[in-house]
N, C-alpha and C. Protein backbone atom coordinates (compact mmCIF):
# COMPACT_ATOMS: atom_id res chain seq x y z
N MET A 1 -58.89 -111.82 36.86
CA MET A 1 -59.88 -112.20 35.88
C MET A 1 -59.27 -112.32 34.49
N ILE A 2 -58.43 -111.38 34.12
CA ILE A 2 -57.80 -111.40 32.81
C ILE A 2 -56.86 -112.60 32.70
N LYS A 3 -56.13 -112.91 33.78
CA LYS A 3 -55.23 -114.06 33.75
C LYS A 3 -56.02 -115.35 33.56
N THR A 4 -57.15 -115.46 34.22
CA THR A 4 -57.98 -116.65 34.07
C THR A 4 -58.48 -116.77 32.64
N LEU A 5 -58.90 -115.67 32.05
CA LEU A 5 -59.38 -115.68 30.67
C LEU A 5 -58.26 -116.08 29.71
N ILE A 6 -57.06 -115.61 29.95
CA ILE A 6 -55.92 -115.98 29.12
C ILE A 6 -55.66 -117.48 29.21
N PHE A 7 -55.74 -118.04 30.40
CA PHE A 7 -55.49 -119.47 30.55
C PHE A 7 -56.64 -120.30 29.97
N ILE A 8 -57.86 -119.79 29.99
CA ILE A 8 -58.98 -120.48 29.35
C ILE A 8 -58.75 -120.51 27.83
N ILE A 9 -58.29 -119.40 27.28
CA ILE A 9 -57.96 -119.36 25.85
C ILE A 9 -56.84 -120.34 25.53
N LEU A 10 -55.87 -120.47 26.42
CA LEU A 10 -54.79 -121.44 26.24
C LEU A 10 -55.33 -122.87 26.27
N ILE A 11 -56.28 -123.15 27.13
CA ILE A 11 -56.91 -124.47 27.17
C ILE A 11 -57.63 -124.76 25.85
N ILE A 12 -58.36 -123.77 25.34
CA ILE A 12 -59.05 -123.94 24.06
C ILE A 12 -58.03 -124.18 22.94
N PHE A 13 -56.96 -123.42 22.92
CA PHE A 13 -55.93 -123.55 21.89
C PHE A 13 -55.27 -124.92 21.93
N ILE A 14 -54.95 -125.42 23.11
CA ILE A 14 -54.31 -126.74 23.23
C ILE A 14 -55.27 -127.83 22.76
N ASN A 15 -56.55 -127.72 23.12
CA ASN A 15 -57.52 -128.71 22.66
C ASN A 15 -57.69 -128.66 21.14
N ILE A 16 -57.70 -127.48 20.56
CA ILE A 16 -57.79 -127.36 19.11
C ILE A 16 -56.59 -128.04 18.46
N ILE A 17 -55.40 -127.83 18.99
CA ILE A 17 -54.21 -128.46 18.42
C ILE A 17 -54.31 -129.99 18.49
N ILE A 18 -54.71 -130.51 19.64
CA ILE A 18 -54.82 -131.97 19.80
C ILE A 18 -55.83 -132.53 18.81
N PHE A 19 -56.98 -131.90 18.70
CA PHE A 19 -58.03 -132.43 17.84
C PHE A 19 -57.76 -132.20 16.36
N VAL A 20 -56.99 -131.18 16.00
CA VAL A 20 -56.60 -130.98 14.61
C VAL A 20 -55.55 -132.01 14.20
N LEU A 21 -54.62 -132.30 15.07
CA LEU A 21 -53.59 -133.28 14.75
C LEU A 21 -54.14 -134.70 14.67
N TYR A 22 -55.12 -135.02 15.46
CA TYR A 22 -55.72 -136.36 15.48
C TYR A 22 -57.24 -136.23 15.35
N PRO A 23 -57.75 -135.98 14.13
CA PRO A 23 -59.18 -135.69 13.96
C PRO A 23 -60.10 -136.90 13.86
N ASP A 24 -59.57 -138.10 13.80
CA ASP A 24 -60.41 -139.29 13.62
C ASP A 24 -61.05 -139.69 14.93
N THR A 25 -61.96 -138.87 15.40
CA THR A 25 -62.58 -139.10 16.70
C THR A 25 -63.94 -139.76 16.59
N GLY A 26 -64.37 -140.05 15.40
CA GLY A 26 -65.64 -140.75 15.24
C GLY A 26 -66.82 -139.81 15.16
N GLU A 27 -67.98 -140.41 15.32
CA GLU A 27 -69.24 -139.70 15.13
C GLU A 27 -69.46 -138.60 16.18
N TYR A 28 -69.05 -138.84 17.39
CA TYR A 28 -69.30 -137.88 18.48
C TYR A 28 -68.06 -137.07 18.85
N GLY A 29 -67.13 -136.93 17.92
CA GLY A 29 -65.88 -136.23 18.18
C GLY A 29 -66.05 -134.76 18.53
N LYS A 30 -66.97 -134.08 17.84
CA LYS A 30 -67.17 -132.66 18.12
C LYS A 30 -67.74 -132.45 19.51
N TYR A 31 -68.63 -133.35 19.94
CA TYR A 31 -69.19 -133.23 21.28
C TYR A 31 -68.09 -133.46 22.33
N TYR A 32 -67.22 -134.41 22.05
CA TYR A 32 -66.11 -134.66 22.96
C TYR A 32 -65.16 -133.46 22.99
N PHE A 33 -64.96 -132.84 21.83
CA PHE A 33 -64.11 -131.65 21.73
C PHE A 33 -64.65 -130.53 22.61
N TYR A 34 -65.93 -130.21 22.47
CA TYR A 34 -66.53 -129.14 23.27
C TYR A 34 -66.60 -129.52 24.75
N GLY A 35 -66.88 -130.78 25.02
CA GLY A 35 -66.92 -131.25 26.40
C GLY A 35 -65.57 -131.18 27.07
N SER A 36 -64.53 -131.52 26.32
CA SER A 36 -63.17 -131.45 26.86
C SER A 36 -62.80 -130.01 27.22
N ILE A 37 -63.12 -129.10 26.34
CA ILE A 37 -62.84 -127.68 26.62
C ILE A 37 -63.61 -127.23 27.87
N ALA A 38 -64.87 -127.60 27.96
CA ALA A 38 -65.69 -127.18 29.10
C ALA A 38 -65.19 -127.77 30.41
N ILE A 39 -64.88 -129.05 30.40
CA ILE A 39 -64.43 -129.70 31.64
C ILE A 39 -63.10 -129.15 32.11
N TRP A 40 -62.14 -129.03 31.19
CA TRP A 40 -60.82 -128.52 31.61
C TRP A 40 -60.89 -127.05 32.03
N SER A 41 -61.75 -126.27 31.39
CA SER A 41 -61.92 -124.88 31.81
C SER A 41 -62.52 -124.82 33.21
N PHE A 42 -63.54 -125.65 33.47
CA PHE A 42 -64.16 -125.70 34.79
C PHE A 42 -63.14 -126.11 35.85
N ILE A 43 -62.35 -127.14 35.56
CA ILE A 43 -61.34 -127.60 36.53
C ILE A 43 -60.32 -126.50 36.81
N TYR A 44 -59.88 -125.80 35.76
CA TYR A 44 -58.91 -124.72 35.96
C TYR A 44 -59.50 -123.60 36.81
N ILE A 45 -60.72 -123.19 36.48
CA ILE A 45 -61.34 -122.11 37.26
C ILE A 45 -61.56 -122.54 38.70
N TYR A 46 -62.01 -123.76 38.92
CA TYR A 46 -62.23 -124.25 40.27
C TYR A 46 -60.94 -124.25 41.08
N ILE A 47 -59.87 -124.76 40.48
CA ILE A 47 -58.58 -124.80 41.20
C ILE A 47 -58.05 -123.39 41.46
N SER A 48 -58.15 -122.53 40.46
CA SER A 48 -57.60 -121.18 40.64
C SER A 48 -58.39 -120.37 41.67
N LEU A 49 -59.68 -120.62 41.80
CA LEU A 49 -60.46 -119.89 42.79
C LEU A 49 -60.35 -120.47 44.19
N ASN A 50 -60.13 -121.77 44.30
CA ASN A 50 -60.17 -122.41 45.61
C ASN A 50 -58.80 -122.77 46.18
N SER A 51 -57.76 -122.59 45.43
CA SER A 51 -56.43 -122.93 45.93
C SER A 51 -55.58 -121.68 46.02
N LYS A 52 -55.12 -121.39 47.22
CA LYS A 52 -54.29 -120.20 47.41
C LYS A 52 -52.88 -120.42 46.86
N ILE A 53 -52.42 -121.66 46.88
CA ILE A 53 -51.08 -121.96 46.36
C ILE A 53 -51.03 -121.75 44.86
N PHE A 54 -52.15 -121.96 44.17
CA PHE A 54 -52.22 -121.83 42.73
C PHE A 54 -52.02 -120.39 42.28
N ASN A 55 -52.09 -119.43 43.21
CA ASN A 55 -51.95 -118.02 42.86
C ASN A 55 -50.71 -117.35 43.43
N ILE A 56 -49.84 -118.08 44.12
CA ILE A 56 -48.59 -117.51 44.61
C ILE A 56 -47.59 -117.53 43.46
N PRO A 57 -47.01 -116.37 43.09
CA PRO A 57 -46.24 -116.25 41.85
C PRO A 57 -45.15 -117.30 41.58
N PRO A 58 -44.20 -117.60 42.43
CA PRO A 58 -43.19 -118.57 41.98
C PRO A 58 -43.73 -119.99 41.87
N ILE A 59 -44.64 -120.34 42.76
CA ILE A 59 -45.18 -121.69 42.76
C ILE A 59 -46.25 -121.84 41.68
N SER A 60 -46.95 -120.77 41.37
CA SER A 60 -48.05 -120.85 40.42
C SER A 60 -47.57 -121.25 39.03
N ILE A 61 -46.39 -120.80 38.64
CA ILE A 61 -45.87 -121.16 37.31
C ILE A 61 -45.65 -122.67 37.22
N ILE A 62 -45.08 -123.24 38.25
CA ILE A 62 -44.82 -124.68 38.27
C ILE A 62 -46.15 -125.45 38.29
N LEU A 63 -47.09 -125.02 39.12
CA LEU A 63 -48.36 -125.72 39.23
C LEU A 63 -49.18 -125.61 37.94
N LYS A 64 -49.17 -124.45 37.31
CA LYS A 64 -49.90 -124.29 36.05
C LYS A 64 -49.26 -125.10 34.93
N THR A 65 -47.94 -125.18 34.92
CA THR A 65 -47.26 -126.04 33.93
C THR A 65 -47.63 -127.50 34.15
N ILE A 66 -47.65 -127.93 35.41
CA ILE A 66 -48.05 -129.30 35.72
C ILE A 66 -49.50 -129.53 35.31
N PHE A 67 -50.37 -128.55 35.56
CA PHE A 67 -51.78 -128.67 35.17
C PHE A 67 -51.91 -128.86 33.66
N PHE A 68 -51.21 -128.05 32.87
CA PHE A 68 -51.34 -128.15 31.42
C PHE A 68 -50.72 -129.43 30.88
N LEU A 69 -49.62 -129.88 31.47
CA LEU A 69 -49.04 -131.16 31.05
C LEU A 69 -49.99 -132.31 31.40
N PHE A 70 -50.61 -132.24 32.57
CA PHE A 70 -51.59 -133.26 32.97
C PHE A 70 -52.80 -133.23 32.04
N MET A 71 -53.23 -132.04 31.65
CA MET A 71 -54.36 -131.91 30.74
C MET A 71 -54.04 -132.54 29.38
N ILE A 72 -52.86 -132.27 28.85
CA ILE A 72 -52.45 -132.85 27.57
C ILE A 72 -52.36 -134.37 27.70
N PHE A 73 -51.79 -134.86 28.79
CA PHE A 73 -51.65 -136.30 28.99
C PHE A 73 -53.02 -136.98 29.06
N ILE A 74 -53.91 -136.47 29.89
CA ILE A 74 -55.23 -137.09 30.06
C ILE A 74 -56.05 -136.99 28.78
N THR A 75 -56.01 -135.84 28.12
CA THR A 75 -56.77 -135.68 26.88
C THR A 75 -56.26 -136.63 25.81
N SER A 76 -54.95 -136.78 25.71
CA SER A 76 -54.41 -137.71 24.70
C SER A 76 -54.64 -139.16 25.11
N LEU A 77 -54.85 -139.41 26.37
CA LEU A 77 -55.07 -140.77 26.84
C LEU A 77 -56.52 -141.23 26.66
N ILE A 78 -57.49 -140.32 26.77
CA ILE A 78 -58.89 -140.74 26.73
C ILE A 78 -59.65 -140.25 25.49
N THR A 79 -59.02 -139.51 24.60
CA THR A 79 -59.72 -139.05 23.40
C THR A 79 -60.04 -140.25 22.50
N PRO A 80 -61.29 -140.43 22.13
CA PRO A 80 -61.65 -141.58 21.31
C PRO A 80 -61.10 -141.46 19.90
N GLN A 81 -60.63 -142.57 19.34
CA GLN A 81 -60.15 -142.63 17.98
C GLN A 81 -60.87 -143.76 17.26
N GLU A 82 -61.09 -143.61 15.96
CA GLU A 82 -61.83 -144.61 15.20
C GLU A 82 -61.09 -145.95 15.13
N ASP A 83 -59.77 -145.93 15.16
CA ASP A 83 -59.02 -147.18 15.06
C ASP A 83 -58.85 -147.88 16.40
N GLY A 84 -59.37 -147.32 17.47
CA GLY A 84 -59.32 -147.95 18.78
C GLY A 84 -58.05 -147.66 19.58
N LYS A 85 -57.07 -147.05 18.96
CA LYS A 85 -55.84 -146.69 19.67
C LYS A 85 -56.00 -145.30 20.28
N THR A 86 -55.30 -145.06 21.36
CA THR A 86 -55.33 -143.72 21.96
C THR A 86 -54.26 -142.86 21.30
N ILE A 87 -54.41 -141.56 21.44
CA ILE A 87 -53.41 -140.64 20.90
C ILE A 87 -52.08 -140.87 21.60
N PHE A 88 -52.14 -141.13 22.89
CA PHE A 88 -50.92 -141.36 23.66
C PHE A 88 -50.15 -142.58 23.13
N SER A 89 -50.86 -143.67 22.82
CA SER A 89 -50.19 -144.86 22.29
C SER A 89 -49.63 -144.59 20.90
N LYS A 90 -50.31 -143.76 20.12
CA LYS A 90 -49.79 -143.39 18.81
C LYS A 90 -48.51 -142.58 18.93
N LEU A 91 -48.48 -141.68 19.92
CA LEU A 91 -47.27 -140.89 20.13
C LEU A 91 -46.10 -141.74 20.60
N ILE A 92 -46.38 -142.72 21.45
CA ILE A 92 -45.32 -143.61 21.92
C ILE A 92 -44.76 -144.44 20.77
N LYS A 93 -45.64 -144.90 19.88
CA LYS A 93 -45.21 -145.70 18.74
C LYS A 93 -44.69 -144.85 17.58
N LYS A 94 -44.62 -143.54 17.80
CA LYS A 94 -44.15 -142.56 16.82
C LYS A 94 -44.99 -142.57 15.54
N GLU A 95 -46.29 -142.70 15.70
CA GLU A 95 -47.23 -142.59 14.59
C GLU A 95 -47.76 -141.16 14.56
N PHE A 96 -46.99 -140.28 13.94
CA PHE A 96 -47.35 -138.87 13.90
C PHE A 96 -48.27 -138.60 12.73
N PRO A 97 -49.10 -137.56 12.82
CA PRO A 97 -50.05 -137.28 11.74
C PRO A 97 -49.33 -136.78 10.48
N ASP A 98 -49.89 -137.14 9.33
CA ASP A 98 -49.33 -136.65 8.07
C ASP A 98 -50.10 -135.40 7.63
N THR A 99 -49.73 -134.87 6.48
CA THR A 99 -50.33 -133.62 6.00
C THR A 99 -51.83 -133.77 5.74
N GLN A 100 -52.23 -134.89 5.16
CA GLN A 100 -53.65 -135.09 4.88
C GLN A 100 -54.48 -135.15 6.16
N THR A 101 -53.94 -135.79 7.17
CA THR A 101 -54.66 -135.88 8.45
C THR A 101 -54.81 -134.50 9.08
N ILE A 102 -53.75 -133.72 9.04
CA ILE A 102 -53.80 -132.36 9.61
C ILE A 102 -54.79 -131.50 8.84
N ASN A 103 -54.78 -131.60 7.51
CA ASN A 103 -55.74 -130.82 6.70
C ASN A 103 -57.17 -131.24 6.99
N ARG A 104 -57.41 -132.53 7.16
CA ARG A 104 -58.74 -133.02 7.51
C ARG A 104 -59.15 -132.48 8.89
N GLY A 105 -58.20 -132.43 9.81
CA GLY A 105 -58.48 -131.88 11.14
C GLY A 105 -58.79 -130.40 11.10
N LYS A 106 -58.06 -129.67 10.25
CA LYS A 106 -58.33 -128.24 10.11
C LYS A 106 -59.73 -128.01 9.57
N ILE A 107 -60.10 -128.81 8.57
CA ILE A 107 -61.44 -128.66 8.00
C ILE A 107 -62.50 -129.01 9.04
N LYS A 108 -62.27 -130.08 9.78
CA LYS A 108 -63.28 -130.56 10.73
C LYS A 108 -63.45 -129.64 11.93
N TYR A 109 -62.35 -129.13 12.48
CA TYR A 109 -62.46 -128.37 13.73
C TYR A 109 -62.31 -126.87 13.55
N ILE A 110 -61.37 -126.41 12.74
CA ILE A 110 -61.19 -124.96 12.60
C ILE A 110 -62.21 -124.37 11.64
N ASN A 111 -62.37 -124.96 10.46
CA ASN A 111 -63.37 -124.44 9.53
C ASN A 111 -64.77 -124.62 10.07
N GLY A 112 -64.99 -125.67 10.83
CA GLY A 112 -66.31 -125.89 11.42
C GLY A 112 -66.69 -124.80 12.40
N LEU A 113 -65.70 -124.16 13.00
CA LEU A 113 -65.98 -123.09 13.95
C LEU A 113 -66.21 -121.75 13.26
N PHE A 114 -65.49 -121.50 12.14
CA PHE A 114 -65.48 -120.16 11.58
C PHE A 114 -66.05 -120.03 10.17
N ALA A 115 -66.16 -121.10 9.41
CA ALA A 115 -66.54 -121.00 8.00
C ALA A 115 -67.96 -121.49 7.75
N LYS A 116 -68.35 -121.38 6.47
CA LYS A 116 -69.64 -121.91 6.05
C LYS A 116 -69.59 -123.42 6.11
N PRO A 117 -70.74 -124.06 6.12
CA PRO A 117 -70.74 -125.52 6.11
C PRO A 117 -70.01 -126.08 4.89
N ILE A 118 -69.28 -127.16 5.08
CA ILE A 118 -68.46 -127.75 4.04
C ILE A 118 -69.34 -128.35 2.94
N LYS A 119 -70.53 -128.84 3.26
CA LYS A 119 -71.38 -129.49 2.28
C LYS A 119 -71.72 -128.54 1.15
N ILE A 120 -71.96 -127.28 1.44
CA ILE A 120 -72.27 -126.31 0.40
C ILE A 120 -71.08 -126.18 -0.54
N ASN A 121 -69.89 -126.07 0.01
CA ASN A 121 -68.69 -125.95 -0.81
C ASN A 121 -68.43 -127.22 -1.62
N ALA A 122 -68.71 -128.39 -1.05
CA ALA A 122 -68.50 -129.65 -1.76
C ALA A 122 -69.47 -129.78 -2.92
N ASP A 123 -70.74 -129.39 -2.74
CA ASP A 123 -71.71 -129.44 -3.82
C ASP A 123 -71.31 -128.51 -4.96
N ARG A 124 -70.86 -127.34 -4.61
CA ARG A 124 -70.43 -126.38 -5.63
C ARG A 124 -69.22 -126.91 -6.38
N LEU A 125 -68.27 -127.50 -5.66
CA LEU A 125 -67.09 -128.06 -6.30
C LEU A 125 -67.47 -129.19 -7.25
N GLU A 126 -68.44 -130.00 -6.86
CA GLU A 126 -68.89 -131.10 -7.73
C GLU A 126 -69.51 -130.55 -9.01
N LYS A 127 -70.33 -129.52 -8.92
CA LYS A 127 -70.94 -128.91 -10.11
C LYS A 127 -69.89 -128.31 -11.03
N GLU A 128 -68.92 -127.60 -10.45
CA GLU A 128 -67.88 -126.99 -11.26
C GLU A 128 -67.01 -128.04 -11.94
N THR A 129 -66.74 -129.14 -11.25
CA THR A 129 -65.96 -130.22 -11.83
C THR A 129 -66.70 -130.86 -12.99
N LYS A 130 -68.01 -131.06 -12.85
CA LYS A 130 -68.82 -131.62 -13.93
C LYS A 130 -68.79 -130.70 -15.14
N LYS A 131 -68.95 -129.40 -14.91
CA LYS A 131 -68.89 -128.43 -16.01
C LYS A 131 -67.56 -128.52 -16.74
N PHE A 132 -66.48 -128.60 -15.98
CA PHE A 132 -65.14 -128.64 -16.57
C PHE A 132 -64.98 -129.88 -17.44
N PHE A 133 -65.37 -131.04 -16.95
CA PHE A 133 -65.21 -132.26 -17.74
C PHE A 133 -66.16 -132.31 -18.92
N ASP A 134 -67.33 -131.71 -18.81
CA ASP A 134 -68.23 -131.61 -19.95
C ASP A 134 -67.63 -130.75 -21.06
N LYS A 135 -66.97 -129.66 -20.71
CA LYS A 135 -66.31 -128.79 -21.70
C LYS A 135 -65.14 -129.52 -22.36
N ILE A 136 -64.43 -130.32 -21.60
CA ILE A 136 -63.30 -131.06 -22.16
C ILE A 136 -63.79 -132.11 -23.16
N LYS A 137 -64.90 -132.77 -22.86
CA LYS A 137 -65.45 -133.80 -23.75
C LYS A 137 -65.92 -133.20 -25.07
N ASP A 138 -66.44 -131.98 -25.03
CA ASP A 138 -66.94 -131.33 -26.25
C ASP A 138 -65.82 -130.77 -27.04
């Protein structure tokens, strides 16, 4: 049970990395993010419970590595992007994310999970900026 939980956390972590690096998933990106985690977790649990080979120690390492590589490949192949290109095609063309894209991904997926809503912080920042420029004008 603990091993399964550890691998589920690994699935969540890999999906977070993929979606943080390539956050331009469009309007329904967060739903796809949660759906991806749920589907891959279900597939992993189903295989680990129903396949005896998946739990034999020397073979299990190879099979789990193949599973995670397959998960990364399929997720990067079917994740929707606003520009119409897949993540996999971007990786082949060596179009890696820049710092601004990664920061946008962190705000969209990591802060969205753990922090206050961004709109509140943006409104406060706008008010403080107005105050600052008003003081400079005077």
